[in-house]
Amino acid sequence: MKKLKNESALVKKAVEIGESYAKNRGYKTFSATDSSKQKIECIYRLLVNDKLIAPLPQDKEDLLGMKHRLAMWIASKLPENHPLLK
């Protein structure tokens, strides 16, 4: 798995967009006490369930893999000239 440039910033943006997506899908908002790990896993599973991203293989389904998959997802949704992609 090749690390993306600005991957941590992309993950942060993916969580932000993912929270909005989850709320629009009817998921109640995340609480302030939810950890980033919980948010990442919840958003990842929602996107896999909605077939917006491909699931990771069972043996490679960990937090790093989920973060990378979310970063890849948001990178594909951003416009080409977005600062996070440079």
PDB file of N, CA and C in Angstrom:
ATOM      1  N   MET A   1       0.848  -1.156   0.000  1.00  0.00           N
ATOM      2  CA  MET A   1       0.000   0.000   0.000  1.00  0.00           C
ATOM      3  C   MET A   1       0.903   1.231   0.000  1.00  0.00           C
ATOM      4  N   LYS A   2       0.777   2.029  -1.048  1.00  0.00           N
ATOM      5  CA  LYS A   2       1.593   3.223  -1.199  1.00  0.00           C
ATOM      6  C   LYS A   2       0.938   4.388  -0.468  1.00  0.00           C
ATOM      7  N   LYS A   3       1.713   5.046   0.379  1.00  0.00           N
ATOM      8  CA  LYS A   3       1.187   6.184   1.120  1.00  0.00           C
ATOM      9  C   LYS A   3       1.013   7.377   0.185  1.00  0.00           C
ATOM     10  N   LEU A   4      -0.100   8.050   0.336  1.00  0.00           N
ATOM     11  CA  LEU A   4      -0.400   9.236  -0.465  1.00  0.00           C
ATOM     12  C   LEU A   4       0.251  10.469   0.145  1.00  0.00           C
ATOM     13  N   LYS A   5       0.502  11.481  -0.701  1.00  0.00           N
ATOM     14  CA  LYS A   5       0.926  12.764  -0.171  1.00  0.00           C
ATOM     15  C   LYS A   5      -0.242  13.337   0.610  1.00  0.00           C
ATOM     16  N   ASN A   6       0.050  13.960   1.728  1.00  0.00           N
ATOM     17  CA  ASN A   6      -0.981  14.582   2.566  1.00  0.00           C
ATOM     18  C   ASN A   6      -2.040  13.579   3.030  1.00  0.00           C
ATOM     19  N   GLU A   7      -1.660  12.330   3.248  1.00  0.00           N
ATOM     20  CA  GLU A   7      -2.658  11.307   3.593  1.00  0.00           C
ATOM     21  C   GLU A   7      -3.402  11.646   4.885  1.00  0.00           C
ATOM     22  N   SER A   8      -2.707  12.147   5.885  1.00  0.00           N
ATOM     23  CA  SER A   8      -3.390  12.462   7.151  1.00  0.00           C
ATOM     24  C   SER A   8      -4.408  13.584   6.956  1.00  0.00           C
ATOM     25  N   ALA A   9      -4.069  14.586   6.137  1.00  0.00           N
ATOM     26  CA  ALA A   9      -5.015  15.672   5.859  1.00  0.00           C
ATOM     27  C   ALA A   9      -6.188  15.158   5.034  1.00  0.00           C
ATOM     28  N   LEU A  10      -5.919  14.221   4.117  1.00  0.00           N
ATOM     29  CA  LEU A  10      -6.994  13.636   3.323  1.00  0.00           C
ATOM     30  C   LEU A  10      -7.944  12.826   4.196  1.00  0.00           C
ATOM     31  N   VAL A  11      -7.386  12.102   5.167  1.00  0.00           N
ATOM     32  CA  VAL A  11      -8.221  11.322   6.089  1.00  0.00           C
ATOM     33  C   VAL A  11      -9.095  12.269   6.907  1.00  0.00           C
ATOM     34  N   LYS A  12      -8.515  13.353   7.368  1.00  0.00           N
ATOM     35  CA  LYS A  12      -9.285  14.340   8.136  1.00  0.00           C
ATOM     36  C   LYS A  12     -10.441  14.893   7.296  1.00  0.00           C
ATOM     37  N   LYS A  13     -10.162  15.205   6.033  1.00  0.00           N
ATOM     38  CA  LYS A  13     -11.197  15.712   5.127  1.00  0.00           C
ATOM     39  C   LYS A  13     -12.242  14.627   4.867  1.00  0.00           C
ATOM     40  N   ALA A  14     -11.808  13.374   4.715  1.00  0.00           N
ATOM     41  CA  ALA A  14     -12.727  12.266   4.477  1.00  0.00           C
ATOM     42  C   ALA A  14     -13.662  12.066   5.668  1.00  0.00           C
ATOM     43  N   VAL A  15     -13.138  12.209   6.873  1.00  0.00           N
ATOM     44  CA  VAL A  15     -13.979  12.075   8.070  1.00  0.00           C
ATOM     45  C   VAL A  15     -15.004  13.206   8.108  1.00  0.00           C
ATOM     46  N   GLU A  16     -14.556  14.399   7.772  1.00  0.00           N
ATOM     47  CA  GLU A  16     -15.462  15.557   7.750  1.00  0.00           C
ATOM     48  C   GLU A  16     -16.600  15.345   6.740  1.00  0.00           C
ATOM     49  N   ILE A  17     -16.254  14.943   5.529  1.00  0.00           N
ATOM     50  CA  ILE A  17     -17.255  14.704   4.488  1.00  0.00           C
ATOM     51  C   ILE A  17     -18.091  13.467   4.838  1.00  0.00           C
ATOM     52  N   GLY A  18     -17.444  12.454   5.377  1.00  0.00           N
ATOM     53  CA  GLY A  18     -18.137  11.230   5.761  1.00  0.00           C
ATOM     54  C   GLY A  18     -19.169  11.457   6.843  1.00  0.00           C
ATOM     55  N   GLU A  19     -18.862  12.344   7.794  1.00  0.00           N
ATOM     56  CA  GLU A  19     -19.834  12.667   8.840  1.00  0.00           C
ATOM     57  C   GLU A  19     -21.078  13.312   8.231  1.00  0.00           C
ATOM     58  N   SER A  20     -20.874  14.216   7.283  1.00  0.00           N
ATOM     59  CA  SER A  20     -22.019  14.852   6.611  1.00  0.00           C
ATOM     60  C   SER A  20     -22.818  13.820   5.832  1.00  0.00           C
ATOM     61  N   TYR A  21     -22.113  12.914   5.154  1.00  0.00           N
ATOM     62  CA  TYR A  21     -22.781  11.870   4.384  1.00  0.00           C
ATOM     63  C   TYR A  21     -23.609  10.968   5.309  1.00  0.00           C
ATOM     64  N   ALA A  22     -23.028  10.587   6.435  1.00  0.00           N
ATOM     65  CA  ALA A  22     -23.731   9.719   7.383  1.00  0.00           C
ATOM     66  C   ALA A  22     -24.977  10.416   7.930  1.00  0.00           C
ATOM     67  N   LYS A  23     -24.840  11.700   8.221  1.00  0.00           N
ATOM     68  CA  LYS A  23     -25.986  12.452   8.739  1.00  0.00           C
ATOM     69  C   LYS A  23     -27.094  12.521   7.691  1.00  0.00           C
ATOM     70  N   ASN A  24     -26.733  12.733   6.428  1.00  0.00           N
ATOM     71  CA  ASN A  24     -27.732  12.773   5.357  1.00  0.00           C
ATOM     72  C   ASN A  24     -28.390  11.416   5.133  1.00  0.00           C
ATOM     73  N   ARG A  25     -27.689  10.356   5.481  1.00  0.00           N
ATOM     74  CA  ARG A  25     -28.238   9.007   5.331  1.00  0.00           C
ATOM     75  C   ARG A  25     -29.127   8.609   6.509  1.00  0.00           C
ATOM     76  N   GLY A  26     -29.214   9.489   7.518  1.00  0.00           N
ATOM     77  CA  GLY A  26     -30.094   9.202   8.645  1.00  0.00           C
ATOM     78  C   GLY A  26     -29.370   8.765   9.902  1.00  0.00           C
ATOM     79  N   TYR A  27     -28.047   8.682   9.855  1.00  0.00           N
ATOM     80  CA  TYR A  27     -27.284   8.323  11.039  1.00  0.00           C
ATOM     81  C   TYR A  27     -27.267   9.516  11.972  1.00  0.00           C
ATOM     82  N   LYS A  28     -27.558   9.283  13.234  1.00  0.00           N
ATOM     83  CA  LYS A  28     -27.509  10.412  14.159  1.00  0.00           C
ATOM     84  C   LYS A  28     -26.068  10.907  14.246  1.00  0.00           C
ATOM     85  N   THR A  29     -25.903  12.144  14.558  1.00  0.00           N
ATOM     86  CA  THR A  29     -24.572  12.748  14.540  1.00  0.00           C
ATOM     87  C   THR A  29     -23.638  12.073  15.534  1.00  0.00           C
ATOM     88  N   PHE A  30     -22.353  12.174  15.253  1.00  0.00           N
ATOM     89  CA  PHE A  30     -21.346  11.637  16.153  1.00  0.00           C
ATOM     90  C   PHE A  30     -21.286  12.522  17.393  1.00  0.00           C
ATOM     91  N   SER A  31     -21.040  11.912  18.528  1.00  0.00           N
ATOM     92  CA  SER A  31     -20.925  12.707  19.749  1.00  0.00           C
ATOM     93  C   SER A  31     -19.486  13.180  19.913  1.00  0.00           C
ATOM     94  N   ALA A  32     -19.302  14.143  20.780  1.00  0.00           N
ATOM     95  CA  ALA A  32     -17.973  14.699  21.012  1.00  0.00           C
ATOM     96  C   ALA A  32     -17.048  13.680  21.670  1.00  0.00           C
ATOM     97  N   THR A  33     -17.624  12.662  22.281  1.00  0.00           N
ATOM     98  CA  THR A  33     -16.797  11.666  22.964  1.00  0.00           C
ATOM     99  C   THR A  33     -16.384  10.511  22.056  1.00  0.00           C
ATOM    100  N   ASP A  34     -16.914  10.467  20.843  1.00  0.00           N
ATOM    101  CA  ASP A  34     -16.519   9.413  19.906  1.00  0.00           C
ATOM    102  C   ASP A  34     -15.075   9.636  19.469  1.00  0.00           C
ATOM    103  N   SER A  35     -14.302   8.580  19.510  1.00  0.00           N
ATOM    104  CA  SER A  35     -12.902   8.702  19.106  1.00  0.00           C
ATOM    105  C   SER A  35     -12.803   8.738  17.589  1.00  0.00           C
ATOM    106  N   SER A  36     -11.671   9.197  17.098  1.00  0.00           N
ATOM    107  CA  SER A  36     -11.482   9.246  15.645  1.00  0.00           C
ATOM    108  C   SER A  36     -11.482   7.836  15.071  1.00  0.00           C
ATOM    109  N   LYS A  37     -10.995   6.867  15.828  1.00  0.00           N
ATOM    110  CA  LYS A  37     -11.000   5.471  15.367  1.00  0.00           C
ATOM    111  C   LYS A  37     -12.432   4.999  15.139  1.00  0.00           C
ATOM    112  N   GLN A  38     -13.331   5.327  16.050  1.00  0.00           N
ATOM    113  CA  GLN A  38     -14.733   4.934  15.917  1.00  0.00           C
ATOM    114  C   GLN A  38     -15.361   5.601  14.699  1.00  0.00           C
ATOM    115  N   LYS A  39     -15.067   6.876  14.514  1.00  0.00           N
ATOM    116  CA  LYS A  39     -15.614   7.602  13.374  1.00  0.00           C
ATOM    117  C   LYS A  39     -15.115   7.011  12.062  1.00  0.00           C
ATOM    118  N   ILE A  40     -13.823   6.738  12.000  1.00  0.00           N
ATOM    119  CA  ILE A  40     -13.226   6.183  10.779  1.00  0.00           C
ATOM    120  C   ILE A  40     -13.848   4.841  10.450  1.00  0.00           C
ATOM    121  N   GLU A  41     -13.965   3.973  11.451  1.00  0.00           N
ATOM    122  CA  GLU A  41     -14.543   2.643  11.206  1.00  0.00           C
ATOM    123  C   GLU A  41     -16.003   2.739  10.792  1.00  0.00           C
ATOM    124  N   CYS A  42     -16.760   3.596  11.436  1.00  0.00           N
ATOM    125  CA  CYS A  42     -18.178   3.761  11.105  1.00  0.00           C
ATOM    126  C   CYS A  42     -18.352   4.284   9.683  1.00  0.00           C
ATOM    127  N   ILE A  43     -17.591   5.303   9.324  1.00  0.00           N
ATOM    128  CA  ILE A  43     -17.692   5.884   7.973  1.00  0.00           C
ATOM    129  C   ILE A  43     -17.234   4.875   6.931  1.00  0.00           C
ATOM    130  N   TYR A  44     -16.154   4.157   7.220  1.00  0.00           N
ATOM    131  CA  TYR A  44     -15.660   3.127   6.299  1.00  0.00           C
ATOM    132  C   TYR A  44     -16.751   2.084   6.043  1.00  0.00           C
ATOM    133  N   ARG A  45     -17.350   1.577   7.112  1.00  0.00           N
ATOM    134  CA  ARG A  45     -18.375   0.530   6.961  1.00  0.00           C
ATOM    135  C   ARG A  45     -19.609   1.048   6.232  1.00  0.00           C
ATOM    136  N   LEU A  46     -19.983   2.295   6.473  1.00  0.00           N
ATOM    137  CA  LEU A  46     -21.123   2.885   5.770  1.00  0.00           C
ATOM    138  C   LEU A  46     -20.834   2.988   4.272  1.00  0.00           C
ATOM    139  N   LEU A  47     -19.639   3.453   3.917  1.00  0.00           N
ATOM    140  CA  LEU A  47     -19.281   3.594   2.505  1.00  0.00           C
ATOM    141  C   LEU A  47     -19.175   2.236   1.814  1.00  0.00           C
ATOM    142  N   VAL A  48     -18.681   1.234   2.525  1.00  0.00           N
ATOM    143  CA  VAL A  48     -18.629  -0.124   1.959  1.00  0.00           C
ATOM    144  C   VAL A  48     -20.046  -0.655   1.772  1.00  0.00           C
ATOM    145  N   ASN A  49     -20.890  -0.443   2.769  1.00  0.00           N
ATOM    146  CA  ASN A  49     -22.279  -0.907   2.689  1.00  0.00           C
ATOM    147  C   ASN A  49     -23.013  -0.268   1.511  1.00  0.00           C
ATOM    148  N   ASP A  50     -22.738   1.010   1.254  1.00  0.00           N
ATOM    149  CA  ASP A  50     -23.375   1.724   0.148  1.00  0.00           C
ATOM    150  C   ASP A  50     -22.644   1.510  -1.178  1.00  0.00           C
ATOM    151  N   LYS A  51     -21.613   0.670  -1.156  1.00  0.00           N
ATOM    152  CA  LYS A  51     -20.829   0.324  -2.347  1.00  0.00           C
ATOM    153  C   LYS A  51     -20.155   1.536  -2.996  1.00  0.00           C
ATOM    154  N   LEU A  52     -19.735   2.494  -2.153  1.00  0.00           N
ATOM    155  CA  LEU A  52     -18.999   3.647  -2.648  1.00  0.00           C
ATOM    156  C   LEU A  52     -17.493   3.403  -2.644  1.00  0.00           C
ATOM    157  N   ILE A  53     -17.047   2.459  -1.797  1.00  0.00           N
ATOM    158  CA  ILE A  53     -15.651   2.029  -1.805  1.00  0.00           C
ATOM    159  C   ILE A  53     -15.621   0.513  -1.721  1.00  0.00           C
ATOM    160  N   ALA A  54     -14.542  -0.051  -2.215  1.00  0.00           N
ATOM    161  CA  ALA A  54     -14.384  -1.507  -2.162  1.00  0.00           C
ATOM    162  C   ALA A  54     -13.921  -1.907  -0.763  1.00  0.00           C
ATOM    163  N   PRO A  55     -14.435  -3.012  -0.250  1.00  0.00           N
ATOM    164  CA  PRO A  55     -14.010  -3.447   1.088  1.00  0.00           C
ATOM    165  C   PRO A  55     -12.586  -3.995   1.070  1.00  0.00           C
ATOM    166  N   LEU A  56     -11.938  -3.873   2.202  1.00  0.00           N
ATOM    167  CA  LEU A  56     -10.619  -4.459   2.374  1.00  0.00           C
ATOM    168  C   LEU A  56     -10.774  -5.966   2.581  1.00  0.00           C
ATOM    169  N   PRO A  57      -9.762  -6.759   2.237  1.00  0.00           N
ATOM    170  CA  PRO A  57      -9.824  -8.185   2.568  1.00  0.00           C
ATOM    171  C   PRO A  57      -9.910  -8.364   4.091  1.00  0.00           C
ATOM    172  N   GLN A  58     -10.574  -9.409   4.535  1.00  0.00           N
ATOM    173  CA  GLN A  58     -10.790  -9.644   5.968  1.00  0.00           C
ATOM    174  C   GLN A  58      -9.492  -9.602   6.771  1.00  0.00           C
ATOM    175  N   ASP A  59      -8.427 -10.201   6.257  1.00  0.00           N
ATOM    176  CA  ASP A  59      -7.179 -10.266   7.011  1.00  0.00           C
ATOM    177  C   ASP A  59      -6.422  -8.943   7.030  1.00  0.00           C
ATOM    178  N   LYS A  60      -6.808  -7.995   6.194  1.00  0.00           N
ATOM    179  CA  LYS A  60      -6.126  -6.692   6.143  1.00  0.00           C
ATOM    180  C   LYS A  60      -7.026  -5.556   6.618  1.00  0.00           C
ATOM    181  N   GLU A  61      -8.129  -5.892   7.244  1.00  0.00           N
ATOM    182  CA  GLU A  61      -9.070  -4.876   7.709  1.00  0.00           C
ATOM    183  C   GLU A  61      -8.608  -4.359   9.068  1.00  0.00           C
ATOM    184  N   ASP A  62      -7.810  -3.295   9.040  1.00  0.00           N
ATOM    185  CA  ASP A  62      -7.332  -2.655  10.249  1.00  0.00           C
ATOM    186  C   ASP A  62      -7.462  -1.149  10.096  1.00  0.00           C
ATOM    187  N   LEU A  63      -7.115  -0.418  11.136  1.00  0.00           N
ATOM    188  CA  LEU A  63      -7.299   1.032  11.123  1.00  0.00           C
ATOM    189  C   LEU A  63      -6.479   1.697  10.023  1.00  0.00           C
ATOM    190  N   LEU A  64      -5.239   1.269   9.823  1.00  0.00           N
ATOM    191  CA  LEU A  64      -4.406   1.863   8.773  1.00  0.00           C
ATOM    192  C   LEU A  64      -5.001   1.634   7.394  1.00  0.00           C
ATOM    193  N   GLY A  65      -5.507   0.443   7.157  1.00  0.00           N
ATOM    194  CA  GLY A  65      -6.134   0.134   5.873  1.00  0.00           C
ATOM    195  C   GLY A  65      -7.388   0.956   5.646  1.00  0.00           C
ATOM    196  N   MET A  66      -8.180   1.116   6.700  1.00  0.00           N
ATOM    197  CA  MET A  66      -9.407   1.911   6.588  1.00  0.00           C
ATOM    198  C   MET A  66      -9.077   3.377   6.307  1.00  0.00           C
ATOM    199  N   LYS A  67      -8.073   3.902   7.001  1.00  0.00           N
ATOM    200  CA  LYS A  67      -7.652   5.290   6.774  1.00  0.00           C
ATOM    201  C   LYS A  67      -7.199   5.477   5.331  1.00  0.00           C
ATOM    202  N   HIS A  68      -6.397   4.529   4.847  1.00  0.00           N
ATOM    203  CA  HIS A  68      -5.888   4.624   3.476  1.00  0.00           C
ATOM    204  C   HIS A  68      -7.041   4.571   2.474  1.00  0.00           C
ATOM    205  N   ARG A  69      -7.990   3.685   2.704  1.00  0.00           N
ATOM    206  CA  ARG A  69      -9.135   3.557   1.798  1.00  0.00           C
ATOM    207  C   ARG A  69      -9.965   4.837   1.791  1.00  0.00           C
ATOM    208  N   LEU A  70     -10.149   5.442   2.965  1.00  0.00           N
ATOM    209  CA  LEU A  70     -10.891   6.706   3.031  1.00  0.00           C
ATOM    210  C   LEU A  70     -10.129   7.828   2.335  1.00  0.00           C
ATOM    211  N   ALA A  71      -8.805   7.845   2.493  1.00  0.00           N
ATOM    212  CA  ALA A  71      -7.990   8.867   1.824  1.00  0.00           C
ATOM    213  C   ALA A  71      -8.074   8.704   0.310  1.00  0.00           C
ATOM    214  N   MET A  72      -8.054   7.479  -0.173  1.00  0.00           N
ATOM    215  CA  MET A  72      -8.173   7.220  -1.607  1.00  0.00           C
ATOM    216  C   MET A  72      -9.550   7.655  -2.110  1.00  0.00           C
ATOM    217  N   TRP A  73     -10.581   7.390  -1.325  1.00  0.00           N
ATOM    218  CA  TRP A  73     -11.945   7.758  -1.700  1.00  0.00           C
ATOM    219  C   TRP A  73     -12.081   9.267  -1.843  1.00  0.00           C
ATOM    220  N   ILE A  74     -11.609  10.008  -0.840  1.00  0.00           N
ATOM    221  CA  ILE A  74     -11.781  11.463  -0.890  1.00  0.00           C
ATOM    222  C   ILE A  74     -10.877  12.072  -1.952  1.00  0.00           C
ATOM    223  N   ALA A  75      -9.715  11.489  -2.186  1.00  0.00           N
ATOM    224  CA  ALA A  75      -8.816  12.008  -3.225  1.00  0.00           C
ATOM    225  C   ALA A  75      -9.465  11.881  -4.597  1.00  0.00           C
ATOM    226  N   SER A  76     -10.258  10.834  -4.789  1.00  0.00           N
ATOM    227  CA  SER A  76     -10.925  10.665  -6.083  1.00  0.00           C
ATOM    228  C   SER A  76     -12.114  11.611  -6.253  1.00  0.00           C
ATOM    229  N   LYS A  77     -12.631  12.136  -5.146  1.00  0.00           N
ATOM    230  CA  LYS A  77     -13.791  13.032  -5.194  1.00  0.00           C
ATOM    231  C   LYS A  77     -13.411  14.510  -5.282  1.00  0.00           C
ATOM    232  N   LEU A  78     -12.182  14.840  -4.900  1.00  0.00           N
ATOM    233  CA  LEU A  78     -11.758  16.237  -4.919  1.00  0.00           C
ATOM    234  C   LEU A  78     -11.392  16.679  -6.333  1.00  0.00           C
ATOM    235  N   PRO A  79     -11.546  17.956  -6.633  1.00  0.00           N
ATOM    236  CA  PRO A  79     -11.136  18.442  -7.957  1.00  0.00           C
ATOM    237  C   PRO A  79      -9.615  18.336  -8.117  1.00  0.00           C
ATOM    238  N   GLU A  80      -9.166  18.222  -9.357  1.00  0.00           N
ATOM    239  CA  GLU A  80      -7.742  18.003  -9.628  1.00  0.00           C
ATOM    240  C   GLU A  80      -6.834  19.084  -9.056  1.00  0.00           C
ATOM    241  N   ASN A  81      -7.314  20.315  -8.989  1.00  0.00           N
ATOM    242  CA  ASN A  81      -6.472  21.410  -8.526  1.00  0.00           C
ATOM    243  C   ASN A  81      -6.615  21.687  -7.030  1.00  0.00           C
ATOM    244  N   HIS A  82      -7.202  20.779  -6.275  1.00  0.00           N
ATOM    245  CA  HIS A  82      -7.381  20.963  -4.840  1.00  0.00           C
ATOM    246  C   HIS A  82      -6.010  20.944  -4.147  1.00  0.00           C
ATOM    247  N   PRO A  83      -5.790  21.827  -3.171  1.00  0.00           N
ATOM    248  CA  PRO A  83      -4.477  21.905  -2.496  1.00  0.00           C
ATOM    249  C   PRO A  83      -4.027  20.602  -1.829  1.00  0.00           C
ATOM    250  N   LEU A  84      -4.951  19.774  -1.359  1.00  0.00           N
ATOM    251  CA  LEU A  84      -4.566  18.527  -0.714  1.00  0.00           C
ATOM    252  C   LEU A  84      -3.979  17.507  -1.683  1.00  0.00           C
ATOM    253  N   LEU A  85      -4.223  17.682  -2.959  1.00  0.00           N
ATOM    254  CA  LEU A  85      -3.733  16.730  -3.956  1.00  0.00           C
ATOM    255  C   LEU A  85      -2.374  17.130  -4.520  1.00  0.00           C
ATOM    256  N   LYS A  86      -1.849  18.260  -4.099  1.00  0.00           N
ATOM    257  CA  LYS A  86      -0.567  18.741  -4.616  1.00  0.00           C
ATOM    258  C   LYS A  86       0.580  18.324  -3.732  1.00  0.00           C
TER     259      LYS A  86
END
